[in-house]
Amino acid sequence: MSSSHPNKSASPHLEARIAALATRQHGVVTCRQLATFGISRGSVAYRARTGRLHRIHHGVYSVGHPILGERGIWMAAALAGGPQADVGYRSAAALWGLRPDSRPCVDITVAGRGSRRRPGLVIHRCARRHPEDRTVIHGIPVTTVARTLIDLAEVVPENHLRRAIVRGEQLRILDISAIQVAADRSPGRRHGALLQAVISGLHPDAHLTRSDMEILMLEIVDAHGLPRPSVNTILLGEEVDFFWPDRLLVVETDGFATHRTRAAFTEDRARDRKLQAAGYSVMRFTDSDVTHHAARTATELRDALTKPATPWPRSPPAAGDR
């Protein structure tokens, strides 16, 4: 039966399609999406009058009941802003788990000009939107963690920003190099200096690059009379930072600039397991270890280097893998 006749019941197949869409979108749908199912504006109005749809924003409805969870509220806000809208600012920080947000409105970031307020929404307009500042989590369009922190620096006190950065580190979603890249894409942003100052205060070594870490580690090795390792060696198809072949010892240095994302953390541990299964010993040191605790790092390295190498569980790798 055609859904253009609001007084007639829609087919079970159509209702199932609407329900499936709402499930994917945390309970909400848009008029445009319903139109692709052949549902007219009159039918939408009829469904709203009879309690099958509940208006959340202009053109956005919840399906079946008016109560939405947090994700439904964020999704509805993003959909209300159109295809170029993302949850942003304080709301994005809450969505990422960086800080709570108890306000009754939702921040969205939208490209272009226009009104900055609509009921239930705070609209942040920007002249340009870089694709790399946008992502999707839980199916919800949202600004990246890096862009979220840049935006957050403009609207919250310094102590709130500091706590959000610390929380990002705890969640292993903080990538300082990504923040710098995002900041370079948005020159002249207010309070950009504040964000950099907070990061520098929490992580004074956050600027260290991979080569910086290599130099510092080699300085520790030389200063304490330890044998020099091979640098950036390929083992089992993986590049490792430092390798002592006679002890089958691999050492990796984890800098904030390259190892503070969940994906990097997971990838690193999988690589460690691969190397350990092949008979290598693997040690990891942070930027703090090599900058502020050099003596302790040297002691741990010396202890590892004086232990006999673990016997190979299988034939050693071919020369090309060493």
C-alpha atoms as a PDB file:
ATOM      1  CA  MET A   1       0.000   0.000   0.000  1.00  0.00           C
ATOM      2  CA  SER A   2       1.271   3.473  -0.790  1.00  0.00           C
ATOM      3  CA  SER A   3       2.532   5.422   2.196  1.00  0.00           C
ATOM      4  CA  SER A   4       1.322   8.633   0.499  1.00  0.00           C
ATOM      5  CA  HIS A   5      -2.146   7.890   1.942  1.00  0.00           C
ATOM      6  CA  PRO A   6      -1.678   8.770   5.614  1.00  0.00           C
ATOM      7  CA  ASN A   7      -4.858   7.089   6.766  1.00  0.00           C
ATOM      8  CA  LYS A   8      -3.791   3.699   5.460  1.00  0.00           C
ATOM      9  CA  SER A   9      -1.379   1.358   7.172  1.00  0.00           C
ATOM     10  CA  ALA A  10       2.042   0.972   5.603  1.00  0.00           C
ATOM     11  CA  SER A  11       3.261  -2.453   4.624  1.00  0.00           C
ATOM     12  CA  PRO A  12       5.169  -4.522   7.201  1.00  0.00           C
ATOM     13  CA  HIS A  13       8.149  -4.461   4.827  1.00  0.00           C
ATOM     14  CA  LEU A  14       8.207  -0.650   4.859  1.00  0.00           C
ATOM     15  CA  GLU A  15       7.892  -0.533   8.639  1.00  0.00           C
ATOM     16  CA  ALA A  16      10.776  -2.974   8.947  1.00  0.00           C
ATOM     17  CA  ARG A  17      12.963  -0.761   6.725  1.00  0.00           C
ATOM     18  CA  ILE A  18      12.176   2.290   8.853  1.00  0.00           C
ATOM     19  CA  ALA A  19      12.908   0.372  12.043  1.00  0.00           C
ATOM     20  CA  ALA A  20      16.219  -0.894  10.657  1.00  0.00           C
ATOM     21  CA  LEU A  21      17.293   2.630   9.669  1.00  0.00           C
ATOM     22  CA  ALA A  22      16.340   3.989  13.086  1.00  0.00           C
ATOM     23  CA  THR A  23      18.284   1.207  14.789  1.00  0.00           C
ATOM     24  CA  ARG A  24      21.436   2.086  12.823  1.00  0.00           C
ATOM     25  CA  GLN A  25      20.978   5.756  13.724  1.00  0.00           C
ATOM     26  CA  HIS A  26      20.306   5.372  17.451  1.00  0.00           C
ATOM     27  CA  GLY A  27      16.557   5.766  17.114  1.00  0.00           C
ATOM     28  CA  VAL A  28      16.263   8.727  14.728  1.00  0.00           C
ATOM     29  CA  VAL A  29      15.489   9.312  11.051  1.00  0.00           C
ATOM     30  CA  THR A  30      15.134  12.341   8.791  1.00  0.00           C
ATOM     31  CA  CYS A  31      12.326  13.405   6.480  1.00  0.00           C
ATOM     32  CA  ARG A  32      14.731  13.127   3.538  1.00  0.00           C
ATOM     33  CA  GLN A  33      15.523   9.548   4.425  1.00  0.00           C
ATOM     34  CA  LEU A  34      11.848   8.693   4.787  1.00  0.00           C
ATOM     35  CA  ALA A  35      11.190  10.291   1.396  1.00  0.00           C
ATOM     36  CA  THR A  36      13.571   7.755  -0.190  1.00  0.00           C
ATOM     37  CA  PHE A  37      11.186   5.082   1.128  1.00  0.00           C
ATOM     38  CA  GLY A  38       8.296   6.815  -0.630  1.00  0.00           C
ATOM     39  CA  ILE A  39       6.891   8.412   2.520  1.00  0.00           C
ATOM     40  CA  SER A  40       5.370  11.820   1.774  1.00  0.00           C
ATOM     41  CA  ARG A  41       5.398  14.887   4.022  1.00  0.00           C
ATOM     42  CA  GLY A  42       1.720  14.293   4.688  1.00  0.00           C
ATOM     43  CA  SER A  43       2.428  10.766   5.848  1.00  0.00           C
ATOM     44  CA  VAL A  44       5.255  12.041   8.083  1.00  0.00           C
ATOM     45  CA  ALA A  45       2.845  14.545   9.651  1.00  0.00           C
ATOM     46  CA  TYR A  46       0.252  11.798  10.142  1.00  0.00           C
ATOM     47  CA  ARG A  47       2.799   9.514  11.791  1.00  0.00           C
ATOM     48  CA  ALA A  48       3.794  12.378  14.101  1.00  0.00           C
ATOM     49  CA  ARG A  49       0.176  13.042  15.053  1.00  0.00           C
ATOM     50  CA  THR A  50      -0.415   9.375  15.836  1.00  0.00           C
ATOM     51  CA  GLY A  51       2.738   8.958  17.906  1.00  0.00           C
ATOM     52  CA  ARG A  52       4.728   6.795  15.513  1.00  0.00           C
ATOM     53  CA  LEU A  53       7.218   9.609  14.966  1.00  0.00           C
ATOM     54  CA  HIS A  54       8.318  12.273  17.465  1.00  0.00           C
ATOM     55  CA  ARG A  55       9.894  15.533  16.313  1.00  0.00           C
ATOM     56  CA  ILE A  56      13.389  16.144  17.751  1.00  0.00           C
ATOM     57  CA  HIS A  57      14.604  18.868  15.385  1.00  0.00           C
ATOM     58  CA  HIS A  58      13.280  20.345  12.189  1.00  0.00           C
ATOM     59  CA  GLY A  59      13.198  17.421   9.758  1.00  0.00           C
ATOM     60  CA  VAL A  60      14.491  14.901  12.319  1.00  0.00           C
ATOM     61  CA  TYR A  61      12.275  12.449  14.208  1.00  0.00           C
ATOM     62  CA  SER A  62      12.658   9.642  16.696  1.00  0.00           C
ATOM     63  CA  VAL A  63      10.830   6.447  15.829  1.00  0.00           C
ATOM     64  CA  GLY A  64       8.315   4.883  18.201  1.00  0.00           C
ATOM     65  CA  HIS A  65       9.044   6.897  21.330  1.00  0.00           C
ATOM     66  CA  PRO A  66      10.334  10.379  22.207  1.00  0.00           C
ATOM     67  CA  ILE A  67      13.041   9.341  24.679  1.00  0.00           C
ATOM     68  CA  LEU A  68      16.566   9.157  23.264  1.00  0.00           C
ATOM     69  CA  GLY A  69      19.849   8.123  24.814  1.00  0.00           C
ATOM     70  CA  GLU A  70      22.957  10.277  24.517  1.00  0.00           C
ATOM     71  CA  ARG A  71      23.956   8.776  21.190  1.00  0.00           C
ATOM     72  CA  GLY A  72      20.494   9.360  19.796  1.00  0.00           C
ATOM     73  CA  ILE A  73      20.613  12.991  20.897  1.00  0.00           C
ATOM     74  CA  TRP A  74      24.017  13.494  19.263  1.00  0.00           C
ATOM     75  CA  MET A  75      22.935  11.688  16.093  1.00  0.00           C
ATOM     76  CA  ALA A  76      19.767  13.769  15.825  1.00  0.00           C
ATOM     77  CA  ALA A  77      21.791  16.971  16.138  1.00  0.00           C
ATOM     78  CA  ALA A  78      24.249  15.920  13.432  1.00  0.00           C
ATOM     79  CA  LEU A  79      21.416  14.931  11.093  1.00  0.00           C
ATOM     80  CA  ALA A  80      19.654  18.242  11.745  1.00  0.00           C
ATOM     81  CA  GLY A  81      22.736  20.090  10.516  1.00  0.00           C
ATOM     82  CA  GLY A  82      22.774  18.299   7.180  1.00  0.00           C
ATOM     83  CA  PRO A  83      25.387  16.128   5.441  1.00  0.00           C
ATOM     84  CA  GLN A  84      28.234  18.561   6.205  1.00  0.00           C
ATOM     85  CA  ALA A  85      27.534  18.702   9.946  1.00  0.00           C
ATOM     86  CA  ASP A  86      29.462  16.989  12.723  1.00  0.00           C
ATOM     87  CA  VAL A  87      29.033  16.857  16.467  1.00  0.00           C
ATOM     88  CA  GLY A  88      31.706  19.260  17.714  1.00  0.00           C
ATOM     89  CA  TYR A  89      33.195  21.259  20.581  1.00  0.00           C
ATOM     90  CA  ARG A  90      31.929  20.263  24.057  1.00  0.00           C
ATOM     91  CA  SER A  91      29.499  17.713  22.657  1.00  0.00           C
ATOM     92  CA  ALA A  92      32.252  16.036  20.635  1.00  0.00           C
ATOM     93  CA  ALA A  93      34.426  15.912  23.757  1.00  0.00           C
ATOM     94  CA  ALA A  94      31.592  14.125  25.560  1.00  0.00           C
ATOM     95  CA  LEU A  95      31.081  11.739  22.639  1.00  0.00           C
ATOM     96  CA  TRP A  96      34.802  10.847  22.685  1.00  0.00           C
ATOM     97  CA  GLY A  97      34.651  10.385  26.469  1.00  0.00           C
ATOM     98  CA  LEU A  98      37.054  13.279  27.155  1.00  0.00           C
ATOM     99  CA  ARG A  99      34.735  15.205  29.505  1.00  0.00           C
ATOM    100  CA  PRO A 100      31.059  15.170  30.504  1.00  0.00           C
ATOM    101  CA  ASP A 101      28.604  17.692  29.091  1.00  0.00           C
ATOM    102  CA  SER A 102      25.332  18.183  30.943  1.00  0.00           C
ATOM    103  CA  ARG A 103      24.026  21.079  28.835  1.00  0.00           C
ATOM    104  CA  PRO A 104      20.593  20.612  27.240  1.00  0.00           C
ATOM    105  CA  CYS A 105      21.912  21.655  23.814  1.00  0.00           C
ATOM    106  CA  VAL A 106      24.308  19.990  21.369  1.00  0.00           C
ATOM    107  CA  ASP A 107      27.254  21.646  19.580  1.00  0.00           C
ATOM    108  CA  ILE A 108      27.540  20.935  15.870  1.00  0.00           C
ATOM    109  CA  THR A 109      30.139  22.192  13.405  1.00  0.00           C
ATOM    110  CA  VAL A 110      28.916  23.109   9.927  1.00  0.00           C
ATOM    111  CA  ALA A 111      30.678  24.515   6.877  1.00  0.00           C
ATOM    112  CA  GLY A 112      29.510  27.816   5.432  1.00  0.00           C
ATOM    113  CA  ARG A 113      27.574  30.790   6.712  1.00  0.00           C
ATOM    114  CA  GLY A 114      24.196  31.064   8.395  1.00  0.00           C
ATOM    115  CA  SER A 115      22.480  31.061  11.768  1.00  0.00           C
ATOM    116  CA  ARG A 116      24.508  29.980  14.769  1.00  0.00           C
ATOM    117  CA  ARG A 117      21.491  28.922  16.842  1.00  0.00           C
ATOM    118  CA  ARG A 118      18.480  26.697  16.484  1.00  0.00           C
ATOM    119  CA  PRO A 119      16.416  25.259  19.300  1.00  0.00           C
ATOM    120  CA  GLY A 120      18.477  22.582  21.037  1.00  0.00           C
ATOM    121  CA  LEU A 121      21.558  23.261  18.895  1.00  0.00           C
ATOM    122  CA  VAL A 122      24.618  25.484  19.065  1.00  0.00           C
ATOM    123  CA  ILE A 123      25.885  25.797  15.499  1.00  0.00           C
ATOM    124  CA  HIS A 124      29.558  26.603  14.967  1.00  0.00           C
ATOM    125  CA  ARG A 125      30.144  27.828  11.425  1.00  0.00           C
ATOM    126  CA  CYS A 126      33.508  27.596   9.714  1.00  0.00           C
ATOM    127  CA  ALA A 127      34.567  28.832   6.298  1.00  0.00           C
ATOM    128  CA  ARG A 128      36.378  25.620   5.407  1.00  0.00           C
ATOM    129  CA  ARG A 129      36.150  22.035   6.544  1.00  0.00           C
ATOM    130  CA  HIS A 130      39.122  19.753   6.014  1.00  0.00           C
ATOM    131  CA  PRO A 131      38.097  16.111   5.451  1.00  0.00           C
ATOM    132  CA  GLU A 132      40.792  14.906   7.859  1.00  0.00           C
ATOM    133  CA  ASP A 133      39.142  16.848  10.698  1.00  0.00           C
ATOM    134  CA  ARG A 134      36.013  14.707  10.363  1.00  0.00           C
ATOM    135  CA  THR A 135      35.345  11.114  11.343  1.00  0.00           C
ATOM    136  CA  VAL A 136      32.556   8.800  12.482  1.00  0.00           C
ATOM    137  CA  ILE A 137      32.256   6.906  15.760  1.00  0.00           C
ATOM    138  CA  HIS A 138      29.288   4.729  16.714  1.00  0.00           C
ATOM    139  CA  GLY A 139      27.836   5.793  13.371  1.00  0.00           C
ATOM    140  CA  ILE A 140      27.776   9.460  14.443  1.00  0.00           C
ATOM    141  CA  PRO A 141      29.588  12.157  12.408  1.00  0.00           C
ATOM    142  CA  VAL A 142      32.002  13.938  14.767  1.00  0.00           C
ATOM    143  CA  THR A 143      35.138  16.033  14.695  1.00  0.00           C
ATOM    144  CA  THR A 144      38.368  14.111  15.254  1.00  0.00           C
ATOM    145  CA  VAL A 145      39.959  14.076  18.700  1.00  0.00           C
ATOM    146  CA  ALA A 146      42.616  16.524  17.498  1.00  0.00           C
ATOM    147  CA  ARG A 147      40.090  18.977  16.067  1.00  0.00           C
ATOM    148  CA  THR A 148      37.836  18.529  19.092  1.00  0.00           C
ATOM    149  CA  LEU A 149      40.630  19.581  21.462  1.00  0.00           C
ATOM    150  CA  ILE A 150      41.507  22.585  19.288  1.00  0.00           C
ATOM    151  CA  ASP A 151      37.849  23.665  19.369  1.00  0.00           C
ATOM    152  CA  LEU A 152      37.483  22.847  23.057  1.00  0.00           C
ATOM    153  CA  ALA A 153      40.333  25.226  23.927  1.00  0.00           C
ATOM    154  CA  GLU A 154      38.089  28.092  22.789  1.00  0.00           C
ATOM    155  CA  VAL A 155      35.118  27.318  25.015  1.00  0.00           C
ATOM    156  CA  VAL A 156      36.297  25.785  28.311  1.00  0.00           C
ATOM    157  CA  PRO A 157      38.651  26.941  31.103  1.00  0.00           C
ATOM    158  CA  GLU A 158      42.277  25.805  31.077  1.00  0.00           C
ATOM    159  CA  ASN A 159      41.803  23.286  33.901  1.00  0.00           C
ATOM    160  CA  HIS A 160      38.939  21.616  32.000  1.00  0.00           C
ATOM    161  CA  LEU A 161      41.088  21.444  28.879  1.00  0.00           C
ATOM    162  CA  ARG A 162      43.928  19.902  30.862  1.00  0.00           C
ATOM    163  CA  ARG A 163      41.637  17.204  32.279  1.00  0.00           C
ATOM    164  CA  ALA A 164      40.307  16.431  28.792  1.00  0.00           C
ATOM    165  CA  ILE A 165      43.841  15.947  27.465  1.00  0.00           C
ATOM    166  CA  VAL A 166      44.755  13.700  30.396  1.00  0.00           C
ATOM    167  CA  ARG A 167      41.593  11.688  29.800  1.00  0.00           C
ATOM    168  CA  GLY A 168      42.475  11.342  26.126  1.00  0.00           C
ATOM    169  CA  GLU A 169      45.833   9.936  27.141  1.00  0.00           C
ATOM    170  CA  GLN A 170      44.182   7.461  29.520  1.00  0.00           C
ATOM    171  CA  LEU A 171      41.851   6.323  26.729  1.00  0.00           C
ATOM    172  CA  ARG A 172      44.839   6.084  24.360  1.00  0.00           C
ATOM    173  CA  ILE A 173      43.182   8.280  21.766  1.00  0.00           C
ATOM    174  CA  LEU A 174      45.509  11.260  22.215  1.00  0.00           C
ATOM    175  CA  ASP A 175      47.828  11.867  19.267  1.00  0.00           C
ATOM    176  CA  ILE A 176      49.889  15.009  19.787  1.00  0.00           C
ATOM    177  CA  SER A 177      51.296  15.013  16.267  1.00  0.00           C
ATOM    178  CA  ALA A 178      47.733  14.939  14.882  1.00  0.00           C
ATOM    179  CA  ILE A 179      46.856  17.967  17.016  1.00  0.00           C
ATOM    180  CA  GLN A 180      49.784  19.871  15.544  1.00  0.00           C
ATOM    181  CA  VAL A 181      48.802  18.925  11.999  1.00  0.00           C
ATOM    182  CA  ALA A 182      45.180  19.955  12.625  1.00  0.00           C
ATOM    183  CA  ALA A 183      46.353  23.239  14.166  1.00  0.00           C
ATOM    184  CA  ASP A 184      48.487  23.945  11.096  1.00  0.00           C
ATOM    185  CA  ARG A 185      45.361  23.538   8.972  1.00  0.00           C
ATOM    186  CA  SER A 186      43.570  26.176  11.075  1.00  0.00           C
ATOM    187  CA  PRO A 187      46.012  29.061  11.589  1.00  0.00           C
ATOM    188  CA  GLY A 188      44.877  31.945  13.742  1.00  0.00           C
ATOM    189  CA  ARG A 189      42.508  29.928  15.917  1.00  0.00           C
ATOM    190  CA  ARG A 190      41.827  31.550  19.263  1.00  0.00           C
ATOM    191  CA  HIS A 191      43.482  29.899  22.253  1.00  0.00           C
ATOM    192  CA  GLY A 192      45.673  27.718  20.064  1.00  0.00           C
ATOM    193  CA  ALA A 193      48.602  28.874  22.181  1.00  0.00           C
ATOM    194  CA  LEU A 194      46.720  27.793  25.308  1.00  0.00           C
ATOM    195  CA  LEU A 195      46.322  24.259  23.952  1.00  0.00           C
ATOM    196  CA  GLN A 196      50.013  24.055  23.099  1.00  0.00           C
ATOM    197  CA  ALA A 197      50.952  25.363  26.549  1.00  0.00           C
ATOM    198  CA  VAL A 198      48.761  22.793  28.304  1.00  0.00           C
ATOM    199  CA  ILE A 199      50.229  19.948  26.244  1.00  0.00           C
ATOM    200  CA  SER A 200      53.775  21.173  26.853  1.00  0.00           C
ATOM    201  CA  GLY A 201      53.078  21.439  30.587  1.00  0.00           C
ATOM    202  CA  LEU A 202      51.757  17.890  30.759  1.00  0.00           C
ATOM    203  CA  HIS A 203      54.256  16.370  28.337  1.00  0.00           C
ATOM    204  CA  PRO A 204      57.408  18.469  28.017  1.00  0.00           C
ATOM    205  CA  ASP A 205      58.897  15.821  25.710  1.00  0.00           C
ATOM    206  CA  ALA A 206      55.904  15.641  23.392  1.00  0.00           C
ATOM    207  CA  HIS A 207      57.875  17.342  20.625  1.00  0.00           C
ATOM    208  CA  LEU A 208      60.350  14.467  20.363  1.00  0.00           C
ATOM    209  CA  THR A 209      60.435  12.793  16.975  1.00  0.00           C
ATOM    210  CA  ARG A 210      61.457   9.220  16.297  1.00  0.00           C
ATOM    211  CA  SER A 211      64.980  10.338  15.360  1.00  0.00           C
ATOM    212  CA  ASP A 212      65.204  12.403  18.564  1.00  0.00           C
ATOM    213  CA  MET A 213      64.390   9.275  20.548  1.00  0.00           C
ATOM    214  CA  GLU A 214      66.996   7.244  18.658  1.00  0.00           C
ATOM    215  CA  ILE A 215      69.718   9.820  19.361  1.00  0.00           C
ATOM    216  CA  LEU A 216      68.862   9.957  23.067  1.00  0.00           C
ATOM    217  CA  MET A 217      68.847   6.169  23.384  1.00  0.00           C
ATOM    218  CA  LEU A 218      72.225   5.862  21.651  1.00  0.00           C
ATOM    219  CA  GLU A 219      73.611   8.561  23.965  1.00  0.00           C
ATOM    220  CA  ILE A 220      72.523   6.455  26.948  1.00  0.00           C
ATOM    221  CA  VAL A 221      74.145   3.371  25.443  1.00  0.00           C
ATOM    222  CA  ASP A 222      77.447   5.189  24.839  1.00  0.00           C
ATOM    223  CA  ALA A 223      77.480   7.035  28.183  1.00  0.00           C
ATOM    224  CA  HIS A 224      77.099   3.779  30.132  1.00  0.00           C
ATOM    225  CA  GLY A 225      79.508   1.690  28.071  1.00  0.00           C
ATOM    226  CA  LEU A 226      76.875  -0.598  26.603  1.00  0.00           C
ATOM    227  CA  PRO A 227      77.362  -2.308  23.234  1.00  0.00           C
ATOM    228  CA  ARG A 228      75.862  -0.369  20.359  1.00  0.00           C
ATOM    229  CA  PRO A 229      72.757  -1.896  18.733  1.00  0.00           C
ATOM    230  CA  SER A 230      71.681  -1.971  15.109  1.00  0.00           C
ATOM    231  CA  VAL A 231      69.147   0.785  14.389  1.00  0.00           C
ATOM    232  CA  ASN A 232      65.934   0.430  12.345  1.00  0.00           C
ATOM    233  CA  THR A 233      66.527  -3.260  11.589  1.00  0.00           C
ATOM    234  CA  ILE A 234      63.998  -5.420   9.725  1.00  0.00           C
ATOM    235  CA  LEU A 235      63.017  -8.564  11.661  1.00  0.00           C
ATOM    236  CA  LEU A 236      60.312 -10.913  10.384  1.00  0.00           C
ATOM    237  CA  GLY A 237      59.157  -8.171   8.056  1.00  0.00           C
ATOM    238  CA  GLU A 238      58.867  -5.627  10.894  1.00  0.00           C
ATOM    239  CA  GLU A 239      61.117  -2.605  11.435  1.00  0.00           C
ATOM    240  CA  VAL A 240      62.365  -2.356  15.028  1.00  0.00           C
ATOM    241  CA  ASP A 241      64.060   0.638  16.636  1.00  0.00           C
ATOM    242  CA  PHE A 242      67.092  -1.101  18.197  1.00  0.00           C
ATOM    243  CA  PHE A 243      68.408  -4.664  17.961  1.00  0.00           C
ATOM    244  CA  TRP A 244      71.259  -6.517  19.723  1.00  0.00           C
ATOM    245  CA  PRO A 245      71.696  -9.669  17.552  1.00  0.00           C
ATOM    246  CA  ASP A 246      73.906 -11.618  19.971  1.00  0.00           C
ATOM    247  CA  ARG A 247      71.253 -11.339  22.698  1.00  0.00           C
ATOM    248  CA  LEU A 248      68.207 -11.423  20.377  1.00  0.00           C
ATOM    249  CA  LEU A 249      67.111  -8.255  22.184  1.00  0.00           C
ATOM    250  CA  VAL A 250      64.736  -5.760  20.590  1.00  0.00           C
ATOM    251  CA  VAL A 251      64.160  -2.329  22.145  1.00  0.00           C
ATOM    252  CA  GLU A 252      61.378  -0.005  21.044  1.00  0.00           C
ATOM    253  CA  THR A 253      61.003   3.653  22.089  1.00  0.00           C
ATOM    254  CA  ASP A 254      57.453   4.962  22.415  1.00  0.00           C
ATOM    255  CA  GLY A 255      57.196   8.705  21.871  1.00  0.00           C
ATOM    256  CA  PHE A 256      53.966  10.617  22.403  1.00  0.00           C
ATOM    257  CA  ALA A 257      54.127  11.935  18.854  1.00  0.00           C
ATOM    258  CA  THR A 258      53.866   8.458  17.314  1.00  0.00           C
ATOM    259  CA  HIS A 259      52.442   6.050  19.887  1.00  0.00           C
ATOM    260  CA  ARG A 260      49.425   7.727  21.462  1.00  0.00           C
ATOM    261  CA  THR A 261      46.549   6.293  19.467  1.00  0.00           C
ATOM    262  CA  ARG A 262      44.580   3.159  20.241  1.00  0.00           C
ATOM    263  CA  ALA A 263      45.438   1.693  16.817  1.00  0.00           C
ATOM    264  CA  ALA A 264      49.173   2.271  17.323  1.00  0.00           C
ATOM    265  CA  PHE A 265      49.041   0.725  20.791  1.00  0.00           C
ATOM    266  CA  THR A 266      47.258  -2.379  19.474  1.00  0.00           C
ATOM    267  CA  GLU A 267      49.584  -2.718  16.489  1.00  0.00           C
ATOM    268  CA  ASP A 268      52.693  -2.408  18.670  1.00  0.00           C
ATOM    269  CA  ARG A 269      51.561  -5.159  21.041  1.00  0.00           C
ATOM    270  CA  ALA A 270      50.699  -7.497  18.181  1.00  0.00           C
ATOM    271  CA  ARG A 271      54.176  -6.964  16.744  1.00  0.00           C
ATOM    272  CA  ASP A 272      55.736  -7.636  20.165  1.00  0.00           C
ATOM    273  CA  ARG A 273      53.914 -10.970  20.383  1.00  0.00           C
ATOM    274  CA  LYS A 274      55.055 -11.901  16.883  1.00  0.00           C
ATOM    275  CA  LEU A 275      58.708 -11.224  17.753  1.00  0.00           C
ATOM    276  CA  GLN A 276      58.502 -12.968  21.135  1.00  0.00           C
ATOM    277  CA  ALA A 277      56.970 -16.047  19.541  1.00  0.00           C
ATOM    278  CA  ALA A 278      60.018 -16.209  17.257  1.00  0.00           C
ATOM    279  CA  GLY A 279      62.441 -16.124  20.191  1.00  0.00           C
ATOM    280  CA  TYR A 280      63.259 -12.438  20.514  1.00  0.00           C
ATOM    281  CA  SER A 281      63.090 -10.505  23.786  1.00  0.00           C
ATOM    282  CA  VAL A 282      61.291  -7.162  23.493  1.00  0.00           C
ATOM    283  CA  MET A 283      61.629  -4.142  25.794  1.00  0.00           C
ATOM    284  CA  ARG A 284      59.831  -0.805  25.505  1.00  0.00           C
ATOM    285  CA  PHE A 285      60.919   2.589  26.841  1.00  0.00           C
ATOM    286  CA  THR A 286      58.953   5.857  26.816  1.00  0.00           C
ATOM    287  CA  ASP A 287      60.228   9.341  26.027  1.00  0.00           C
ATOM    288  CA  SER A 288      60.247   9.997  29.768  1.00  0.00           C
ATOM    289  CA  ASP A 289      62.503   6.972  30.306  1.00  0.00           C
ATOM    290  CA  VAL A 290      65.149   8.263  27.912  1.00  0.00           C
ATOM    291  CA  THR A 291      64.949  11.944  28.904  1.00  0.00           C
ATOM    292  CA  HIS A 292      64.389  11.909  32.668  1.00  0.00           C
ATOM    293  CA  HIS A 293      65.397   8.417  33.807  1.00  0.00           C
ATOM    294  CA  ALA A 294      68.472   7.663  31.729  1.00  0.00           C
ATOM    295  CA  ALA A 295      70.374   5.894  34.541  1.00  0.00           C
ATOM    296  CA  ARG A 296      67.460   3.567  35.283  1.00  0.00           C
ATOM    297  CA  THR A 297      67.020   2.855  31.574  1.00  0.00           C
ATOM    298  CA  ALA A 298      70.734   2.023  31.272  1.00  0.00           C
ATOM    299  CA  THR A 299      70.529  -0.354  34.245  1.00  0.00           C
ATOM    300  CA  GLU A 300      67.561  -2.195  32.758  1.00  0.00           C
ATOM    301  CA  LEU A 301      69.354  -2.471  29.410  1.00  0.00           C
ATOM    302  CA  ARG A 302      72.542  -3.749  31.059  1.00  0.00           C
ATOM    303  CA  ASP A 303      70.579  -6.407  32.947  1.00  0.00           C
ATOM    304  CA  ALA A 304      68.895  -7.543  29.730  1.00  0.00           C
ATOM    305  CA  LEU A 305      72.171  -7.631  27.816  1.00  0.00           C
ATOM    306  CA  THR A 306      73.984  -9.715  30.437  1.00  0.00           C
ATOM    307  CA  LYS A 307      71.361 -12.450  30.420  1.00  0.00           C
ATOM    308  CA  PRO A 308      71.943 -15.376  28.074  1.00  0.00           C
ATOM    309  CA  ALA A 309      69.892 -15.200  24.899  1.00  0.00           C
ATOM    310  CA  THR A 310      66.743 -17.309  24.913  1.00  0.00           C
ATOM    311  CA  PRO A 311      67.242 -20.449  22.776  1.00  0.00           C
ATOM    312  CA  TRP A 312      65.502 -20.385  19.411  1.00  0.00           C
ATOM    313  CA  PRO A 313      62.242 -22.352  19.423  1.00  0.00           C
ATOM    314  CA  ARG A 314      62.768 -22.903  15.710  1.00  0.00           C
ATOM    315  CA  SER A 315      65.409 -22.231  13.083  1.00  0.00           C
ATOM    316  CA  PRO A 316      66.784 -18.669  13.147  1.00  0.00           C
ATOM    317  CA  PRO A 317      65.445 -16.291  10.480  1.00  0.00           C
ATOM    318  CA  ALA A 318      67.181 -16.086   7.149  1.00  0.00           C
ATOM    319  CA  ALA A 319      69.875 -13.450   6.769  1.00  0.00           C
ATOM    320  CA  GLY A 320      67.482 -11.204   4.881  1.00  0.00           C
ATOM    321  CA  ASP A 321      65.210 -11.051   7.940  1.00  0.00           C
ATOM    322  CA  ARG A 322      68.046  -9.935  10.189  1.00  0.00           C
END
